[in-house]
Amino acid sequence: MRIGFLRHGPTAWNAEKRLQGRADIPLSEAGHAMAAGYSLPEEFRGVPAFVSPLERARETAELAGIENATVDPLLIEMNWGDWEGERLPDLRKRYGKEMETNEARGRDFRPAGGESPREVQDRLQTVFTRLNDLRPRPERCLLVTHKGVIRAGLALAFGWDMTGKPPVRLDWSALHVVRLDADGTLEPDAMNVSLLP
């Protein structure tokens, strides 16, 4: 099965580089225009689609012409806990060495009162199991979700521990495709697939 990950369009908090997490921030005017301009590759049109419950993801799916997307609570953004609304540079300045040590933990990095990327990966594994259990099993599907969720999924596909530089530079306005085998194995397929018409 080929799974296309699509991130929601930009919000005002994205423009301000704030951590959104579970905060239900809608698309900005620019985000609305971007999502409305998306053109899915032919092979990903009309396929089963699943979307985060947050407004910015649901808006993106609708504007991109993704019909009948099923809301899946497991696709919600990583929980940034007490740090929602903050900026990373401010947190690094405030917490200094403690923040540096936390970020060096990769998949086990944990915001105060929040969720680690490893826990996001655990949620995604449940999503992948559900997809594999669909009958008939689709050849392709779409997940409309968030940067933290997509990074966690691609880390699984690439075998990246989320320390150091990512294995590939991602365009967050593009589609990122992985392959899910029937045994649950995840592998990278095609990154940065253009959504321009």
C-alpha atoms as a PDB file:
ATOM      1  CA  MET A   1       0.000   0.000   0.000  1.00  0.00           C
ATOM      2  CA  ARG A   2       1.263   3.500  -0.831  1.00  0.00           C
ATOM      3  CA  ILE A   3       0.399   6.099   1.790  1.00  0.00           C
ATOM      4  CA  GLY A   4       0.523   9.803   0.958  1.00  0.00           C
ATOM      5  CA  PHE A   5       1.157  12.141   3.879  1.00  0.00           C
ATOM      6  CA  LEU A   6      -0.196  15.661   3.364  1.00  0.00           C
ATOM      7  CA  ARG A   7       0.441  18.425   5.872  1.00  0.00           C
ATOM      8  CA  HIS A   8      -2.208  21.053   6.494  1.00  0.00           C
ATOM      9  CA  GLY A   9      -1.754  24.503   4.971  1.00  0.00           C
ATOM     10  CA  PRO A  10      -0.154  27.325   6.975  1.00  0.00           C
ATOM     11  CA  THR A  11      -1.777  29.118   9.905  1.00  0.00           C
ATOM     12  CA  ALA A  12      -1.050  32.430  11.609  1.00  0.00           C
ATOM     13  CA  TRP A  13       0.872  30.515  14.287  1.00  0.00           C
ATOM     14  CA  ASN A  14       2.990  28.846  11.584  1.00  0.00           C
ATOM     15  CA  ALA A  15       3.894  32.293  10.265  1.00  0.00           C
ATOM     16  CA  GLU A  16       4.898  33.315  13.802  1.00  0.00           C
ATOM     17  CA  LYS A  17       6.839  30.032  14.243  1.00  0.00           C
ATOM     18  CA  ARG A  18       4.750  29.057  17.273  1.00  0.00           C
ATOM     19  CA  LEU A  19       4.319  25.454  18.391  1.00  0.00           C
ATOM     20  CA  GLN A  20       0.686  24.595  17.706  1.00  0.00           C
ATOM     21  CA  GLY A  21       0.274  21.077  18.997  1.00  0.00           C
ATOM     22  CA  ARG A  22      -3.353  20.427  19.914  1.00  0.00           C
ATOM     23  CA  ALA A  23      -4.352  24.124  19.734  1.00  0.00           C
ATOM     24  CA  ASP A  24      -7.139  24.231  17.146  1.00  0.00           C
ATOM     25  CA  ILE A  25      -5.802  27.048  14.978  1.00  0.00           C
ATOM     26  CA  PRO A  26      -7.561  27.511  11.588  1.00  0.00           C
ATOM     27  CA  LEU A  27      -5.794  28.106   8.297  1.00  0.00           C
ATOM     28  CA  SER A  28      -4.615  31.637   7.636  1.00  0.00           C
ATOM     29  CA  GLU A  29      -5.675  33.456   4.486  1.00  0.00           C
ATOM     30  CA  ALA A  30      -2.402  32.325   2.886  1.00  0.00           C
ATOM     31  CA  GLY A  31      -2.996  28.762   4.097  1.00  0.00           C
ATOM     32  CA  HIS A  32      -6.498  28.783   2.671  1.00  0.00           C
ATOM     33  CA  ALA A  33      -5.185  29.935  -0.716  1.00  0.00           C
ATOM     34  CA  MET A  34      -2.384  27.361  -0.684  1.00  0.00           C
ATOM     35  CA  ALA A  35      -4.659  24.415   0.117  1.00  0.00           C
ATOM     36  CA  ALA A  36      -7.231  25.557  -2.457  1.00  0.00           C
ATOM     37  CA  GLY A  37      -4.464  25.503  -5.071  1.00  0.00           C
ATOM     38  CA  TYR A  38      -3.381  21.916  -4.369  1.00  0.00           C
ATOM     39  CA  SER A  39      -3.767  19.420  -7.173  1.00  0.00           C
ATOM     40  CA  LEU A  40      -3.368  15.830  -6.025  1.00  0.00           C
ATOM     41  CA  PRO A  41      -1.480  13.433  -8.296  1.00  0.00           C
ATOM     42  CA  GLU A  42      -3.917  11.385 -10.348  1.00  0.00           C
ATOM     43  CA  GLU A  43      -3.077   8.170  -8.480  1.00  0.00           C
ATOM     44  CA  PHE A  44      -4.095   9.743  -5.146  1.00  0.00           C
ATOM     45  CA  ARG A  45      -7.461  11.090  -6.279  1.00  0.00           C
ATOM     46  CA  GLY A  46     -10.522   9.334  -4.918  1.00  0.00           C
ATOM     47  CA  VAL A  47      -8.543   7.042  -2.625  1.00  0.00           C
ATOM     48  CA  PRO A  48      -9.521   6.363   1.007  1.00  0.00           C
ATOM     49  CA  ALA A  49      -8.523   9.408   3.050  1.00  0.00           C
ATOM     50  CA  PHE A  50      -8.126   9.982   6.772  1.00  0.00           C
ATOM     51  CA  VAL A  51      -7.732  13.352   8.459  1.00  0.00           C
ATOM     52  CA  SER A  52      -6.756  14.793  11.830  1.00  0.00           C
ATOM     53  CA  PRO A  53      -9.688  16.179  13.828  1.00  0.00           C
ATOM     54  CA  LEU A  54      -8.071  19.633  14.045  1.00  0.00           C
ATOM     55  CA  GLU A  55      -9.685  22.360  11.923  1.00  0.00           C
ATOM     56  CA  ARG A  56      -6.557  23.235   9.939  1.00  0.00           C
ATOM     57  CA  ALA A  57      -6.255  19.665   8.656  1.00  0.00           C
ATOM     58  CA  ARG A  58      -9.965  19.251   7.915  1.00  0.00           C
ATOM     59  CA  GLU A  59     -10.011  22.595   6.049  1.00  0.00           C
ATOM     60  CA  THR A  60      -6.988  21.538   4.006  1.00  0.00           C
ATOM     61  CA  ALA A  61      -8.588  18.237   3.011  1.00  0.00           C
ATOM     62  CA  GLU A  62     -11.788  19.974   1.950  1.00  0.00           C
ATOM     63  CA  LEU A  63     -10.030  22.738   0.004  1.00  0.00           C
ATOM     64  CA  ALA A  64      -7.755  20.221  -1.728  1.00  0.00           C
ATOM     65  CA  GLY A  65     -10.831  18.380  -3.030  1.00  0.00           C
ATOM     66  CA  ILE A  66     -10.379  15.307  -0.829  1.00  0.00           C
ATOM     67  CA  GLU A  67     -13.914  14.001  -0.486  1.00  0.00           C
ATOM     68  CA  ASN A  68     -15.347  11.839   2.290  1.00  0.00           C
ATOM     69  CA  ALA A  69     -12.213  11.956   4.448  1.00  0.00           C
ATOM     70  CA  THR A  70     -12.673  10.024   7.692  1.00  0.00           C
ATOM     71  CA  VAL A  71     -11.647  11.887  10.844  1.00  0.00           C
ATOM     72  CA  ASP A  72      -9.103   9.813  12.769  1.00  0.00           C
ATOM     73  CA  PRO A  73      -8.224  11.128  16.250  1.00  0.00           C
ATOM     74  CA  LEU A  74      -4.901   9.255  16.093  1.00  0.00           C
ATOM     75  CA  LEU A  75      -3.718  11.673  13.361  1.00  0.00           C
ATOM     76  CA  ILE A  76      -3.903  14.689  15.699  1.00  0.00           C
ATOM     77  CA  GLU A  77      -0.696  16.702  16.079  1.00  0.00           C
ATOM     78  CA  MET A  78       1.925  15.852  18.704  1.00  0.00           C
ATOM     79  CA  ASN A  79       0.928  17.199  22.101  1.00  0.00           C
ATOM     80  CA  TRP A  80       3.302  20.053  23.005  1.00  0.00           C
ATOM     81  CA  GLY A  81       1.746  20.387  26.458  1.00  0.00           C
ATOM     82  CA  ASP A  82       2.819  23.502  28.365  1.00  0.00           C
ATOM     83  CA  TRP A  83       4.853  24.688  25.366  1.00  0.00           C
ATOM     84  CA  GLU A  84       1.962  25.222  22.956  1.00  0.00           C
ATOM     85  CA  GLY A  85       2.068  28.767  21.619  1.00  0.00           C
ATOM     86  CA  GLU A  86       5.784  29.094  22.432  1.00  0.00           C
ATOM     87  CA  ARG A  87       8.681  29.492  19.988  1.00  0.00           C
ATOM     88  CA  LEU A  88      11.600  27.045  20.038  1.00  0.00           C
ATOM     89  CA  PRO A  89      14.298  29.781  20.209  1.00  0.00           C
ATOM     90  CA  ASP A  90      12.585  31.206  23.309  1.00  0.00           C
ATOM     91  CA  LEU A  91      12.418  27.762  24.932  1.00  0.00           C
ATOM     92  CA  ARG A  92      16.096  27.122  24.152  1.00  0.00           C
ATOM     93  CA  LYS A  93      17.037  30.432  25.718  1.00  0.00           C
ATOM     94  CA  ARG A  94      14.849  29.833  28.787  1.00  0.00           C
ATOM     95  CA  TYR A  95      15.918  26.246  29.492  1.00  0.00           C
ATOM     96  CA  GLY A  96      19.479  26.277  28.144  1.00  0.00           C
ATOM     97  CA  LYS A  97      21.371  23.025  28.702  1.00  0.00           C
ATOM     98  CA  GLU A  98      18.226  21.241  29.895  1.00  0.00           C
ATOM     99  CA  MET A  99      16.554  21.934  26.537  1.00  0.00           C
ATOM    100  CA  GLU A 100      19.667  20.891  24.630  1.00  0.00           C
ATOM    101  CA  THR A 101      19.757  17.571  26.479  1.00  0.00           C
ATOM    102  CA  ASN A 102      16.029  17.051  25.893  1.00  0.00           C
ATOM    103  CA  GLU A 103      16.296  17.734  22.140  1.00  0.00           C
ATOM    104  CA  ALA A 104      19.273  15.343  21.881  1.00  0.00           C
ATOM    105  CA  ARG A 105      16.961  12.519  23.007  1.00  0.00           C
ATOM    106  CA  GLY A 106      15.447  12.335  19.499  1.00  0.00           C
ATOM    107  CA  ARG A 107      12.359  10.135  19.555  1.00  0.00           C
ATOM    108  CA  ASP A 108      12.247  10.439  23.348  1.00  0.00           C
ATOM    109  CA  PHE A 109      12.273  14.251  23.392  1.00  0.00           C
ATOM    110  CA  ARG A 110       9.388  15.384  25.572  1.00  0.00           C
ATOM    111  CA  PRO A 111       7.829  18.843  25.922  1.00  0.00           C
ATOM    112  CA  ALA A 112       6.723  19.761  29.440  1.00  0.00           C
ATOM    113  CA  GLY A 113       3.338  18.115  29.956  1.00  0.00           C
ATOM    114  CA  GLY A 114       3.370  16.806  26.379  1.00  0.00           C
ATOM    115  CA  GLU A 115       4.016  13.787  24.194  1.00  0.00           C
ATOM    116  CA  SER A 116       7.221  12.322  22.760  1.00  0.00           C
ATOM    117  CA  PRO A 117       7.725  11.547  19.044  1.00  0.00           C
ATOM    118  CA  ARG A 118       8.003   7.872  20.037  1.00  0.00           C
ATOM    119  CA  GLU A 119       4.447   8.056  21.406  1.00  0.00           C
ATOM    120  CA  VAL A 120       3.320   9.660  18.143  1.00  0.00           C
ATOM    121  CA  GLN A 121       4.942   6.718  16.323  1.00  0.00           C
ATOM    122  CA  ASP A 122       3.004   4.309  18.540  1.00  0.00           C
ATOM    123  CA  ARG A 123      -0.234   6.054  17.486  1.00  0.00           C
ATOM    124  CA  LEU A 124       0.802   5.811  13.838  1.00  0.00           C
ATOM    125  CA  GLN A 125       1.533   2.098  14.141  1.00  0.00           C
ATOM    126  CA  THR A 126      -2.099   1.665  15.204  1.00  0.00           C
ATOM    127  CA  VAL A 127      -3.205   3.681  12.144  1.00  0.00           C
ATOM    128  CA  PHE A 128      -1.047   1.497   9.872  1.00  0.00           C
ATOM    129  CA  THR A 129      -2.478  -1.686  11.397  1.00  0.00           C
ATOM    130  CA  ARG A 130      -6.014  -0.396  10.746  1.00  0.00           C
ATOM    131  CA  LEU A 131      -5.113   0.424   7.136  1.00  0.00           C
ATOM    132  CA  ASN A 132      -3.698  -3.054   6.600  1.00  0.00           C
ATOM    133  CA  ASP A 133      -6.896  -4.530   8.044  1.00  0.00           C
ATOM    134  CA  LEU A 134      -9.155  -2.692   5.566  1.00  0.00           C
ATOM    135  CA  ARG A 135     -11.027  -5.037   3.238  1.00  0.00           C
ATOM    136  CA  PRO A 136     -10.552  -4.775   0.399  1.00  0.00           C
ATOM    137  CA  ARG A 137      -7.051  -3.538   1.233  1.00  0.00           C
ATOM    138  CA  PRO A 138      -6.534  -0.313  -0.768  1.00  0.00           C
ATOM    139  CA  GLU A 139      -3.506   0.153  -2.994  1.00  0.00           C
ATOM    140  CA  ARG A 140      -3.244   3.801  -1.970  1.00  0.00           C
ATOM    141  CA  CYS A 141      -4.589   6.107   0.727  1.00  0.00           C
ATOM    142  CA  LEU A 142      -4.095   9.643   2.044  1.00  0.00           C
ATOM    143  CA  LEU A 143      -3.391  10.901   5.559  1.00  0.00           C
ATOM    144  CA  VAL A 144      -3.978  14.639   6.058  1.00  0.00           C
ATOM    145  CA  THR A 145      -2.181  15.538   9.227  1.00  0.00           C
ATOM    146  CA  HIS A 146       0.598  17.592  10.845  1.00  0.00           C
ATOM    147  CA  LYS A 147       4.334  18.167  10.677  1.00  0.00           C
ATOM    148  CA  GLY A 148       5.052  16.323  13.937  1.00  0.00           C
ATOM    149  CA  VAL A 149       3.040  13.291  12.838  1.00  0.00           C
ATOM    150  CA  ILE A 150       4.603  13.203   9.364  1.00  0.00           C
ATOM    151  CA  ARG A 151       8.131  13.524  10.778  1.00  0.00           C
ATOM    152  CA  ALA A 152       7.406  10.641  13.156  1.00  0.00           C
ATOM    153  CA  GLY A 153       6.076   8.509  10.292  1.00  0.00           C
ATOM    154  CA  LEU A 154       9.000   9.257   8.001  1.00  0.00           C
ATOM    155  CA  ALA A 155      11.417   8.509  10.841  1.00  0.00           C
ATOM    156  CA  LEU A 156       9.858   5.031  10.975  1.00  0.00           C
ATOM    157  CA  ALA A 157      10.168   4.612   7.213  1.00  0.00           C
ATOM    158  CA  PHE A 158      13.804   5.767   7.062  1.00  0.00           C
ATOM    159  CA  GLY A 159      14.893   4.132  10.326  1.00  0.00           C
ATOM    160  CA  TRP A 160      15.903   7.587  11.618  1.00  0.00           C
ATOM    161  CA  ASP A 161      16.180   8.038  15.398  1.00  0.00           C
ATOM    162  CA  MET A 162      15.288  11.739  15.054  1.00  0.00           C
ATOM    163  CA  THR A 163      18.699  12.957  16.194  1.00  0.00           C
ATOM    164  CA  GLY A 164      20.859  15.064  13.911  1.00  0.00           C
ATOM    165  CA  LYS A 165      19.712  16.122  10.463  1.00  0.00           C
ATOM    166  CA  PRO A 166      16.689  14.396   8.897  1.00  0.00           C
ATOM    167  CA  PRO A 167      17.479  11.916   6.088  1.00  0.00           C
ATOM    168  CA  VAL A 168      15.766  14.165   3.532  1.00  0.00           C
ATOM    169  CA  ARG A 169      14.812  17.837   3.358  1.00  0.00           C
ATOM    170  CA  LEU A 170      11.028  18.069   3.174  1.00  0.00           C
ATOM    171  CA  ASP A 171       8.853  20.561   1.342  1.00  0.00           C
ATOM    172  CA  TRP A 172       5.872  20.935   3.685  1.00  0.00           C
ATOM    173  CA  SER A 173       3.605  21.985   0.813  1.00  0.00           C
ATOM    174  CA  ALA A 174       4.213  18.694  -1.015  1.00  0.00           C
ATOM    175  CA  LEU A 175       3.031  15.087  -0.678  1.00  0.00           C
ATOM    176  CA  HIS A 176       5.337  12.542   1.001  1.00  0.00           C
ATOM    177  CA  VAL A 177       4.731   8.914   0.082  1.00  0.00           C
ATOM    178  CA  VAL A 178       5.704   5.755   1.960  1.00  0.00           C
ATOM    179  CA  ARG A 179       5.051   2.069   1.277  1.00  0.00           C
ATOM    180  CA  LEU A 180       3.314  -0.060   3.893  1.00  0.00           C
ATOM    181  CA  ASP A 181       3.757  -3.812   3.503  1.00  0.00           C
ATOM    182  CA  ALA A 182       1.148  -6.281   4.748  1.00  0.00           C
ATOM    183  CA  ASP A 183       3.506  -7.239   7.608  1.00  0.00           C
ATOM    184  CA  GLY A 184       3.592  -3.620   8.834  1.00  0.00           C
ATOM    185  CA  THR A 185       7.013  -2.750   7.407  1.00  0.00           C
ATOM    186  CA  LEU A 186       7.225   0.898   6.348  1.00  0.00           C
ATOM    187  CA  GLU A 187       9.638   2.161   3.669  1.00  0.00           C
ATOM    188  CA  PRO A 188      10.166   5.510   1.952  1.00  0.00           C
ATOM    189  CA  ASP A 189       8.760   5.771  -1.558  1.00  0.00           C
ATOM    190  CA  ALA A 190       8.644   9.340  -2.920  1.00  0.00           C
ATOM    191  CA  MET A 191       9.287  12.525  -0.984  1.00  0.00           C
ATOM    192  CA  ASN A 192       8.341  16.064  -2.044  1.00  0.00           C
ATOM    193  CA  VAL A 193       5.776  15.088  -4.685  1.00  0.00           C
ATOM    194  CA  SER A 194       4.555  18.391  -6.115  1.00  0.00           C
ATOM    195  CA  LEU A 195       0.951  19.428  -5.595  1.00  0.00           C
ATOM    196  CA  LEU A 196       1.126  22.213  -8.153  1.00  0.00           C
ATOM    197  CA  PRO A 197      -1.380  21.868 -11.008  1.00  0.00           C
END
